[in-house]
ModelCIF file with pLDDT and N, C-alpha, C, O atoms, coordinates in Angstrom:
data_MODEL
#
_entry.id   MODEL 
#
_entity.id                         1 
_entity.type                       polymer 
_entity.pdbx_number_of_molecules   1 
#
_entity_poly.entity_id                      1 
_entity_poly.type                           'polypeptide(L)' 
_entity_poly.nstd_linkage                   no 
_entity_poly.nstd_monomer                   no 
_entity_poly.pdbx_seq_one_letter_code       AGFIGSPAMNEMQCTVTADGAEFAGLQIPLSPEQRAALTS 
_entity_poly.pdbx_seq_one_letter_code_can   AGFIGSPAMNEMQCTVTADGAEFAGLQIPLSPEQRAALTS 
_entity_poly.pdbx_strand_id                 A 
#
loop_
_entity_poly_seq.entity_id 
_entity_poly_seq.num 
_entity_poly_seq.mon_id 
_entity_poly_seq.hetero 
1 1  ALA n 
1 2  GLY n 
1 3  PHE n 
1 4  ILE n 
1 5  GLY n 
1 6  SER n 
1 7  PRO n 
1 8  ALA n 
1 9  MET n 
1 10 ASN n 
1 11 GLU n 
1 12 MET n 
1 13 GLN n 
1 14 CYS n 
1 15 THR n 
1 16 VAL n 
1 17 THR n 
1 18 ALA n 
1 19 ASP n 
1 20 GLY n 
1 21 ALA n 
1 22 GLU n 
1 23 PHE n 
1 24 ALA n 
1 25 GLY n 
1 26 LEU n 
1 27 GLN n 
1 28 ILE n 
1 29 PRO n 
1 30 LEU n 
1 31 SER n 
1 32 PRO n 
1 33 GLU n 
1 34 GLN n 
1 35 ARG n 
1 36 ALA n 
1 37 ALA n 
1 38 LEU n 
1 39 THR n 
1 40 SER n 
#
_struct_asym.id          A 
_struct_asym.entity_id   1 
#
loop_
_ma_qa_metric.id 
_ma_qa_metric.mode 
_ma_qa_metric.name 
_ma_qa_metric.software_group_id 
_ma_qa_metric.type 
1 global pLDDT . pLDDT 
2 local  pLDDT . pLDDT 
#
_ma_qa_metric_global.metric_id      1 
_ma_qa_metric_global.metric_value   89.62 
_ma_qa_metric_global.model_id       1 
_ma_qa_metric_global.ordinal_id     1 
#
loop_
_ma_qa_metric_local.label_asym_id 
_ma_qa_metric_local.label_comp_id 
_ma_qa_metric_local.label_seq_id 
_ma_qa_metric_local.metric_id 
_ma_qa_metric_local.metric_value 
_ma_qa_metric_local.model_id 
_ma_qa_metric_local.ordinal_id 
A ALA 1  2 96.00 1 1  
A GLY 2  2 93.00 1 2  
A PHE 3  2 94.00 1 3  
A ILE 4  2 94.00 1 4  
A GLY 5  2 89.00 1 5  
A SER 6  2 86.00 1 6  
A PRO 7  2 88.00 1 7  
A ALA 8  2 90.00 1 8  
A MET 9  2 94.00 1 9  
A ASN 10 2 94.00 1 10 
A GLU 11 2 93.00 1 11 
A MET 12 2 91.00 1 12 
A GLN 13 2 91.00 1 13 
A CYS 14 2 90.00 1 14 
A THR 15 2 91.00 1 15 
A VAL 16 2 91.00 1 16 
A THR 17 2 88.00 1 17 
A ALA 18 2 85.00 1 18 
A ASP 19 2 84.00 1 19 
A GLY 20 2 86.00 1 20 
A ALA 21 2 88.00 1 21 
A GLU 22 2 85.00 1 22 
A PHE 23 2 84.00 1 23 
A ALA 24 2 80.00 1 24 
A GLY 25 2 76.00 1 25 
A LEU 26 2 81.00 1 26 
A GLN 27 2 85.00 1 27 
A ILE 28 2 88.00 1 28 
A PRO 29 2 89.00 1 29 
A LEU 30 2 92.00 1 30 
A SER 31 2 91.00 1 31 
A PRO 32 2 92.00 1 32 
A GLU 33 2 94.00 1 33 
A GLN 34 2 93.00 1 34 
A ARG 35 2 93.00 1 35 
A ALA 36 2 93.00 1 36 
A ALA 37 2 94.00 1 37 
A LEU 38 2 93.00 1 38 
A THR 39 2 93.00 1 39 
A SER 40 2 93.00 1 40 
#
loop_
_atom_site.group_PDB 
_atom_site.id 
_atom_site.type_symbol 
_atom_site.label_atom_id 
_atom_site.label_alt_id 
_atom_site.label_comp_id 
_atom_site.label_asym_id 
_atom_site.label_entity_id 
_atom_site.label_seq_id 
_atom_site.pdbx_PDB_ins_code 
_atom_site.Cartn_x 
_atom_site.Cartn_y 
_atom_site.Cartn_z 
_atom_site.occupancy 
_atom_site.B_iso_or_equiv 
_atom_site.pdbx_formal_charge 
_atom_site.auth_seq_id 
_atom_site.auth_comp_id 
_atom_site.auth_asym_id 
_atom_site.auth_atom_id 
_atom_site.pdbx_PDB_model_num 
ATOM 1   N N  . ALA A 1 1  ? 79.302 19.334 -62.028 1.00 96.00 ? 1  ALA A N  1 
ATOM 2   C CA . ALA A 1 1  ? 78.587 20.357 -62.799 1.00 96.00 ? 1  ALA A CA 1 
ATOM 3   C C  . ALA A 1 1  ? 79.099 21.749 -62.473 1.00 96.00 ? 1  ALA A C  1 
ATOM 4   O O  . ALA A 1 1  ? 79.264 22.575 -63.371 1.00 96.00 ? 1  ALA A O  1 
ATOM 5   N N  . GLY A 1 2  ? 79.353 22.017 -61.197 1.00 93.00 ? 2  GLY A N  1 
ATOM 6   C CA . GLY A 1 2  ? 79.803 23.336 -60.782 1.00 93.00 ? 2  GLY A CA 1 
ATOM 7   C C  . GLY A 1 2  ? 81.282 23.561 -61.002 1.00 93.00 ? 2  GLY A C  1 
ATOM 8   O O  . GLY A 1 2  ? 81.719 24.697 -61.187 1.00 93.00 ? 2  GLY A O  1 
ATOM 9   N N  . PHE A 1 3  ? 82.067 22.478 -60.985 1.00 94.00 ? 3  PHE A N  1 
ATOM 10  C CA . PHE A 1 3  ? 83.523 22.624 -61.107 1.00 94.00 ? 3  PHE A CA 1 
ATOM 11  C C  . PHE A 1 3  ? 83.964 22.769 -62.559 1.00 94.00 ? 3  PHE A C  1 
ATOM 12  O O  . PHE A 1 3  ? 84.886 23.527 -62.861 1.00 94.00 ? 3  PHE A O  1 
ATOM 13  N N  . ILE A 1 4  ? 83.304 22.042 -63.453 1.00 94.00 ? 4  ILE A N  1 
ATOM 14  C CA . ILE A 1 4  ? 83.679 22.060 -64.863 1.00 94.00 ? 4  ILE A CA 1 
ATOM 15  C C  . ILE A 1 4  ? 82.880 23.139 -65.587 1.00 94.00 ? 4  ILE A C  1 
ATOM 16  O O  . ILE A 1 4  ? 81.653 23.182 -65.503 1.00 94.00 ? 4  ILE A O  1 
ATOM 17  N N  . GLY A 1 5  ? 83.593 24.002 -66.294 1.00 89.00 ? 5  GLY A N  1 
ATOM 18  C CA . GLY A 1 5  ? 82.950 25.084 -67.021 1.00 89.00 ? 5  GLY A CA 1 
ATOM 19  C C  . GLY A 1 5  ? 83.264 26.431 -66.402 1.00 89.00 ? 5  GLY A C  1 
ATOM 20  O O  . GLY A 1 5  ? 83.300 26.569 -65.179 1.00 89.00 ? 5  GLY A O  1 
ATOM 21  N N  . SER A 1 6  ? 83.493 27.436 -67.257 1.00 86.00 ? 6  SER A N  1 
ATOM 22  C CA . SER A 1 6  ? 83.808 28.773 -66.764 1.00 86.00 ? 6  SER A CA 1 
ATOM 23  C C  . SER A 1 6  ? 83.124 29.812 -67.661 1.00 86.00 ? 6  SER A C  1 
ATOM 24  O O  . SER A 1 6  ? 83.386 29.862 -68.863 1.00 86.00 ? 6  SER A O  1 
ATOM 25  N N  . PRO A 1 7  ? 82.247 30.643 -67.075 1.00 88.00 ? 7  PRO A N  1 
ATOM 26  C CA . PRO A 1 7  ? 81.777 30.645 -65.683 1.00 88.00 ? 7  PRO A CA 1 
ATOM 27  C C  . PRO A 1 7  ? 81.052 29.338 -65.339 1.00 88.00 ? 7  PRO A C  1 
ATOM 28  O O  . PRO A 1 7  ? 80.672 28.562 -66.216 1.00 88.00 ? 7  PRO A O  1 
ATOM 29  N N  . ALA A 1 8  ? 80.877 29.127 -64.048 1.00 90.00 ? 8  ALA A N  1 
ATOM 30  C CA . ALA A 1 8  ? 80.285 27.880 -63.580 1.00 90.00 ? 8  ALA A CA 1 
ATOM 31  C C  . ALA A 1 8  ? 78.826 27.767 -64.006 1.00 90.00 ? 8  ALA A C  1 
ATOM 32  O O  . ALA A 1 8  ? 78.174 28.765 -64.314 1.00 90.00 ? 8  ALA A O  1 
ATOM 33  N N  . MET A 1 9  ? 78.330 26.541 -64.017 1.00 94.00 ? 9  MET A N  1 
ATOM 34  C CA . MET A 1 9  ? 76.928 26.288 -64.324 1.00 94.00 ? 9  MET A CA 1 
ATOM 35  C C  . MET A 1 9  ? 76.022 27.033 -63.343 1.00 94.00 ? 9  MET A C  1 
ATOM 36  O O  . MET A 1 9  ? 76.297 27.066 -62.144 1.00 94.00 ? 9  MET A O  1 
ATOM 37  N N  . ASN A 1 10 ? 74.936 27.634 -63.859 1.00 94.00 ? 10 ASN A N  1 
ATOM 38  C CA . ASN A 1 10 ? 73.919 28.231 -62.996 1.00 94.00 ? 10 ASN A CA 1 
ATOM 39  C C  . ASN A 1 10 ? 73.130 27.127 -62.311 1.00 94.00 ? 10 ASN A C  1 
ATOM 40  O O  . ASN A 1 10 ? 72.745 26.149 -62.952 1.00 94.00 ? 10 ASN A O  1 
ATOM 41  N N  . GLU A 1 11 ? 72.887 27.275 -61.016 1.00 93.00 ? 11 GLU A N  1 
ATOM 42  C CA . GLU A 1 11 ? 72.130 26.283 -60.263 1.00 93.00 ? 11 GLU A CA 1 
ATOM 43  C C  . GLU A 1 11 ? 70.902 26.937 -59.639 1.00 93.00 ? 11 GLU A C  1 
ATOM 44  O O  . GLU A 1 11 ? 71.003 27.959 -58.960 1.00 93.00 ? 11 GLU A O  1 
ATOM 45  N N  . MET A 1 12 ? 69.736 26.330 -59.882 1.00 91.00 ? 12 MET A N  1 
ATOM 46  C CA . MET A 1 12 ? 68.468 26.857 -59.390 1.00 91.00 ? 12 MET A CA 1 
ATOM 47  C C  . MET A 1 12 ? 67.844 25.854 -58.429 1.00 91.00 ? 12 MET A C  1 
ATOM 48  O O  . MET A 1 12 ? 67.632 24.696 -58.788 1.00 91.00 ? 12 MET A O  1 
ATOM 49  N N  . GLN A 1 13 ? 67.552 26.290 -57.220 1.00 91.00 ? 13 GLN A N  1 
ATOM 50  C CA . GLN A 1 13 ? 66.954 25.426 -56.213 1.00 91.00 ? 13 GLN A CA 1 
ATOM 51  C C  . GLN A 1 13 ? 65.431 25.511 -56.325 1.00 91.00 ? 13 GLN A C  1 
ATOM 52  O O  . GLN A 1 13 ? 64.857 26.599 -56.277 1.00 91.00 ? 13 GLN A O  1 
ATOM 53  N N  . CYS A 1 14 ? 64.783 24.351 -56.475 1.00 90.00 ? 14 CYS A N  1 
ATOM 54  C CA . CYS A 1 14 ? 63.332 24.305 -56.675 1.00 90.00 ? 14 CYS A CA 1 
ATOM 55  C C  . CYS A 1 14 ? 62.696 23.296 -55.729 1.00 90.00 ? 14 CYS A C  1 
ATOM 56  O O  . CYS A 1 14 ? 63.350 22.374 -55.243 1.00 90.00 ? 14 CYS A O  1 
ATOM 57  N N  . THR A 1 15 ? 61.407 23.492 -55.482 1.00 91.00 ? 15 THR A N  1 
ATOM 58  C CA . THR A 1 15 ? 60.597 22.520 -54.752 1.00 91.00 ? 15 THR A CA 1 
ATOM 59  C C  . THR A 1 15 ? 59.679 21.832 -55.747 1.00 91.00 ? 15 THR A C  1 
ATOM 60  O O  . THR A 1 15 ? 59.001 22.491 -56.535 1.00 91.00 ? 15 THR A O  1 
ATOM 61  N N  . VAL A 1 16 ? 59.657 20.500 -55.710 1.00 91.00 ? 16 VAL A N  1 
ATOM 62  C CA . VAL A 1 16 ? 58.854 19.719 -56.651 1.00 91.00 ? 16 VAL A CA 1 
ATOM 63  C C  . VAL A 1 16 ? 57.408 19.672 -56.177 1.00 91.00 ? 16 VAL A C  1 
ATOM 64  O O  . VAL A 1 16 ? 57.133 19.415 -55.005 1.00 91.00 ? 16 VAL A O  1 
ATOM 65  N N  . THR A 1 17 ? 56.492 19.925 -57.100 1.00 88.00 ? 17 THR A N  1 
ATOM 66  C CA . THR A 1 17 ? 55.054 19.831 -56.830 1.00 88.00 ? 17 THR A CA 1 
ATOM 67  C C  . THR A 1 17 ? 54.442 18.821 -57.781 1.00 88.00 ? 17 THR A C  1 
ATOM 68  O O  . THR A 1 17 ? 55.147 18.182 -58.562 1.00 88.00 ? 17 THR A O  1 
ATOM 69  N N  . ALA A 1 18 ? 53.109 18.678 -57.710 1.00 85.00 ? 18 ALA A N  1 
ATOM 70  C CA . ALA A 1 18 ? 52.421 17.738 -58.595 1.00 85.00 ? 18 ALA A CA 1 
ATOM 71  C C  . ALA A 1 18 ? 52.555 18.142 -60.054 1.00 85.00 ? 18 ALA A C  1 
ATOM 72  O O  . ALA A 1 18 ? 52.456 17.297 -60.944 1.00 85.00 ? 18 ALA A O  1 
ATOM 73  N N  . ASP A 1 19 ? 52.781 19.434 -60.306 1.00 84.00 ? 19 ASP A N  1 
ATOM 74  C CA . ASP A 1 19 ? 52.889 19.919 -61.682 1.00 84.00 ? 19 ASP A CA 1 
ATOM 75  C C  . ASP A 1 19 ? 54.331 19.953 -62.194 1.00 84.00 ? 19 ASP A C  1 
ATOM 76  O O  . ASP A 1 19 ? 54.558 20.284 -63.357 1.00 84.00 ? 19 ASP A O  1 
ATOM 77  N N  . GLY A 1 20 ? 55.292 19.624 -61.363 1.00 86.00 ? 20 GLY A N  1 
ATOM 78  C CA . GLY A 1 20 ? 56.694 19.687 -61.740 1.00 86.00 ? 20 GLY A CA 1 
ATOM 79  C C  . GLY A 1 20 ? 57.451 20.604 -60.814 1.00 86.00 ? 20 GLY A C  1 
ATOM 80  O O  . GLY A 1 20 ? 57.348 20.462 -59.595 1.00 86.00 ? 20 GLY A O  1 
ATOM 81  N N  . ALA A 1 21 ? 58.217 21.553 -61.356 1.00 88.00 ? 21 ALA A N  1 
ATOM 82  C CA . ALA A 1 21 ? 58.942 22.524 -60.549 1.00 88.00 ? 21 ALA A CA 1 
ATOM 83  C C  . ALA A 1 21 ? 58.900 23.875 -61.269 1.00 88.00 ? 21 ALA A C  1 
ATOM 84  O O  . ALA A 1 21 ? 58.671 23.952 -62.476 1.00 88.00 ? 21 ALA A O  1 
ATOM 85  N N  . GLU A 1 22 ? 59.130 24.944 -60.480 1.00 85.00 ? 22 GLU A N  1 
ATOM 86  C CA . GLU A 1 22 ? 59.067 26.291 -61.041 1.00 85.00 ? 22 GLU A CA 1 
ATOM 87  C C  . GLU A 1 22 ? 60.161 27.146 -60.418 1.00 85.00 ? 22 GLU A C  1 
ATOM 88  O O  . GLU A 1 22 ? 60.442 27.054 -59.223 1.00 85.00 ? 22 GLU A O  1 
ATOM 89  N N  . PHE A 1 23 ? 60.785 27.996 -61.271 1.00 84.00 ? 23 PHE A N  1 
ATOM 90  C CA . PHE A 1 23 ? 61.805 28.909 -60.764 1.00 84.00 ? 23 PHE A CA 1 
ATOM 91  C C  . PHE A 1 23 ? 61.650 30.248 -61.456 1.00 84.00 ? 23 PHE A C  1 
ATOM 92  O O  . PHE A 1 23 ? 61.896 30.371 -62.656 1.00 84.00 ? 23 PHE A O  1 
ATOM 93  N N  . ALA A 1 24 ? 61.239 31.256 -60.691 1.00 80.00 ? 24 ALA A N  1 
ATOM 94  C CA . ALA A 1 24 ? 61.139 32.641 -61.170 1.00 80.00 ? 24 ALA A CA 1 
ATOM 95  C C  . ALA A 1 24 ? 60.461 32.752 -62.527 1.00 80.00 ? 24 ALA A C  1 
ATOM 96  O O  . ALA A 1 24 ? 60.896 33.512 -63.392 1.00 80.00 ? 24 ALA A O  1 
ATOM 97  N N  . GLY A 1 25 ? 59.381 31.979 -62.702 1.00 76.00 ? 25 GLY A N  1 
ATOM 98  C CA . GLY A 1 25 ? 58.618 32.054 -63.945 1.00 76.00 ? 25 GLY A CA 1 
ATOM 99  C C  . GLY A 1 25 ? 58.939 30.958 -64.942 1.00 76.00 ? 25 GLY A C  1 
ATOM 100 O O  . GLY A 1 25 ? 58.219 30.802 -65.928 1.00 76.00 ? 25 GLY A O  1 
ATOM 101 N N  . LEU A 1 26 ? 59.999 30.191 -64.715 1.00 81.00 ? 26 LEU A N  1 
ATOM 102 C CA . LEU A 1 26 ? 60.348 29.092 -65.610 1.00 81.00 ? 26 LEU A CA 1 
ATOM 103 C C  . LEU A 1 26 ? 59.707 27.803 -65.123 1.00 81.00 ? 26 LEU A C  1 
ATOM 104 O O  . LEU A 1 26 ? 59.933 27.395 -63.983 1.00 81.00 ? 26 LEU A O  1 
ATOM 105 N N  . GLN A 1 27 ? 58.915 27.155 -65.964 1.00 85.00 ? 27 GLN A N  1 
ATOM 106 C CA . GLN A 1 27 ? 58.274 25.890 -65.624 1.00 85.00 ? 27 GLN A CA 1 
ATOM 107 C C  . GLN A 1 27 ? 59.163 24.727 -66.054 1.00 85.00 ? 27 GLN A C  1 
ATOM 108 O O  . GLN A 1 27 ? 59.664 24.692 -67.178 1.00 85.00 ? 27 GLN A O  1 
ATOM 109 N N  . ILE A 1 28 ? 59.349 23.771 -65.134 1.00 88.00 ? 28 ILE A N  1 
ATOM 110 C CA . ILE A 1 28 ? 60.253 22.644 -65.381 1.00 88.00 ? 28 ILE A CA 1 
ATOM 111 C C  . ILE A 1 28 ? 59.472 21.341 -65.216 1.00 88.00 ? 28 ILE A C  1 
ATOM 112 O O  . ILE A 1 28 ? 59.183 20.942 -64.088 1.00 88.00 ? 28 ILE A O  1 
ATOM 113 N N  . PRO A 1 29 ? 59.125 20.667 -66.318 1.00 89.00 ? 29 PRO A N  1 
ATOM 114 C CA . PRO A 1 29 ? 58.403 19.391 -66.213 1.00 89.00 ? 29 PRO A CA 1 
ATOM 115 C C  . PRO A 1 29 ? 59.330 18.261 -65.773 1.00 89.00 ? 29 PRO A C  1 
ATOM 116 O O  . PRO A 1 29 ? 60.534 18.305 -66.026 1.00 89.00 ? 29 PRO A O  1 
ATOM 117 N N  . LEU A 1 30 ? 58.768 17.255 -65.119 1.00 92.00 ? 30 LEU A N  1 
ATOM 118 C CA . LEU A 1 30 ? 59.542 16.093 -64.675 1.00 92.00 ? 30 LEU A CA 1 
ATOM 119 C C  . LEU A 1 30 ? 58.892 14.821 -65.194 1.00 92.00 ? 30 LEU A C  1 
ATOM 120 O O  . LEU A 1 30 ? 57.670 14.678 -65.159 1.00 92.00 ? 30 LEU A O  1 
ATOM 121 N N  . SER A 1 31 ? 59.718 13.898 -65.676 1.00 91.00 ? 31 SER A N  1 
ATOM 122 C CA . SER A 1 31 ? 59.216 12.602 -66.139 1.00 91.00 ? 31 SER A CA 1 
ATOM 123 C C  . SER A 1 31 ? 58.975 11.691 -64.938 1.00 91.00 ? 31 SER A C  1 
ATOM 124 O O  . SER A 1 31 ? 59.496 11.955 -63.855 1.00 91.00 ? 31 SER A O  1 
ATOM 125 N N  . PRO A 1 32 ? 58.189 10.615 -65.113 1.00 92.00 ? 32 PRO A N  1 
ATOM 126 C CA . PRO A 1 32 ? 57.992 9.655  -64.015 1.00 92.00 ? 32 PRO A CA 1 
ATOM 127 C C  . PRO A 1 32 ? 59.317 9.068  -63.511 1.00 92.00 ? 32 PRO A C  1 
ATOM 128 O O  . PRO A 1 32 ? 59.477 8.837  -62.313 1.00 92.00 ? 32 PRO A O  1 
ATOM 129 N N  . GLU A 1 33 ? 60.276 8.824  -64.433 1.00 94.00 ? 33 GLU A N  1 
ATOM 130 C CA . GLU A 1 33 ? 61.565 8.268  -64.030 1.00 94.00 ? 33 GLU A CA 1 
ATOM 131 C C  . GLU A 1 33 ? 62.340 9.258  -63.157 1.00 94.00 ? 33 GLU A C  1 
ATOM 132 O O  . GLU A 1 33 ? 62.991 8.858  -62.192 1.00 94.00 ? 33 GLU A O  1 
ATOM 133 N N  . GLN A 1 34 ? 62.272 10.530 -63.490 1.00 93.00 ? 34 GLN A N  1 
ATOM 134 C CA . GLN A 1 34 ? 62.957 11.547 -62.703 1.00 93.00 ? 34 GLN A CA 1 
ATOM 135 C C  . GLN A 1 34 ? 62.323 11.703 -61.327 1.00 93.00 ? 34 GLN A C  1 
ATOM 136 O O  . GLN A 1 34 ? 63.029 11.856 -60.330 1.00 93.00 ? 34 GLN A O  1 
ATOM 137 N N  . ARG A 1 35 ? 61.003 11.666 -61.269 1.00 93.00 ? 35 ARG A N  1 
ATOM 138 C CA . ARG A 1 35 ? 60.325 11.742 -59.965 1.00 93.00 ? 35 ARG A CA 1 
ATOM 139 C C  . ARG A 1 35 ? 60.695 10.556 -59.091 1.00 93.00 ? 35 ARG A C  1 
ATOM 140 O O  . ARG A 1 35 ? 60.905 10.704 -57.887 1.00 93.00 ? 35 ARG A O  1 
ATOM 141 N N  . ALA A 1 36 ? 60.775 9.370  -59.705 1.00 93.00 ? 36 ALA A N  1 
ATOM 142 C CA . ALA A 1 36 ? 61.088 8.161  -58.945 1.00 93.00 ? 36 ALA A CA 1 
ATOM 143 C C  . ALA A 1 36 ? 62.510 8.201  -58.398 1.00 93.00 ? 36 ALA A C  1 
ATOM 144 O O  . ALA A 1 36 ? 62.788 7.611  -57.354 1.00 93.00 ? 36 ALA A O  1 
ATOM 145 N N  . ALA A 1 37 ? 63.414 8.893  -59.094 1.00 94.00 ? 37 ALA A N  1 
ATOM 146 C CA . ALA A 1 37 ? 64.806 8.942  -58.660 1.00 94.00 ? 37 ALA A CA 1 
ATOM 147 C C  . ALA A 1 37 ? 65.040 9.944  -57.536 1.00 94.00 ? 37 ALA A C  1 
ATOM 148 O O  . ALA A 1 37 ? 66.061 9.866  -56.852 1.00 94.00 ? 37 ALA A O  1 
ATOM 149 N N  . LEU A 1 38 ? 64.128 10.876 -57.331 1.00 93.00 ? 38 LEU A N  1 
ATOM 150 C CA . LEU A 1 38 ? 64.287 11.881 -56.285 1.00 93.00 ? 38 LEU A CA 1 
ATOM 151 C C  . LEU A 1 38 ? 64.132 11.254 -54.902 1.00 93.00 ? 38 LEU A C  1 
ATOM 152 O O  . LEU A 1 38 ? 63.283 10.386 -54.703 1.00 93.00 ? 38 LEU A O  1 
ATOM 153 N N  . THR A 1 39 ? 64.949 11.694 -53.947 1.00 93.00 ? 39 THR A N  1 
ATOM 154 C CA . THR A 1 39 ? 64.863 11.195 -52.574 1.00 93.00 ? 39 THR A CA 1 
ATOM 155 C C  . THR A 1 39 ? 64.150 12.181 -51.654 1.00 93.00 ? 39 THR A C  1 
ATOM 156 O O  . THR A 1 39 ? 63.906 11.882 -50.485 1.00 93.00 ? 39 THR A O  1 
ATOM 157 N N  . SER A 1 40 ? 63.814 13.371 -52.189 1.00 93.00 ? 40 SER A N  1 
ATOM 158 C CA . SER A 1 40 ? 63.067 14.378 -51.432 1.00 93.00 ? 40 SER A CA 1 
ATOM 159 C C  . SER A 1 40 ? 62.327 15.253 -52.432 1.00 93.00 ? 40 SER A C  1 
ATOM 160 O O  . SER A 1 40 ? 61.622 16.181 -52.037 1.00 93.00 ? 40 SER A O  1 
#
């Protein structure tokens, strides 16, 4: 993701909560499949 594309892809580090994830005002919902795939 970071190597392909110019300029490089923007990457946002988030902490997952019961409501999903949030970054500087942006709300990011997560599906059950995505939650299950996370290792942390």
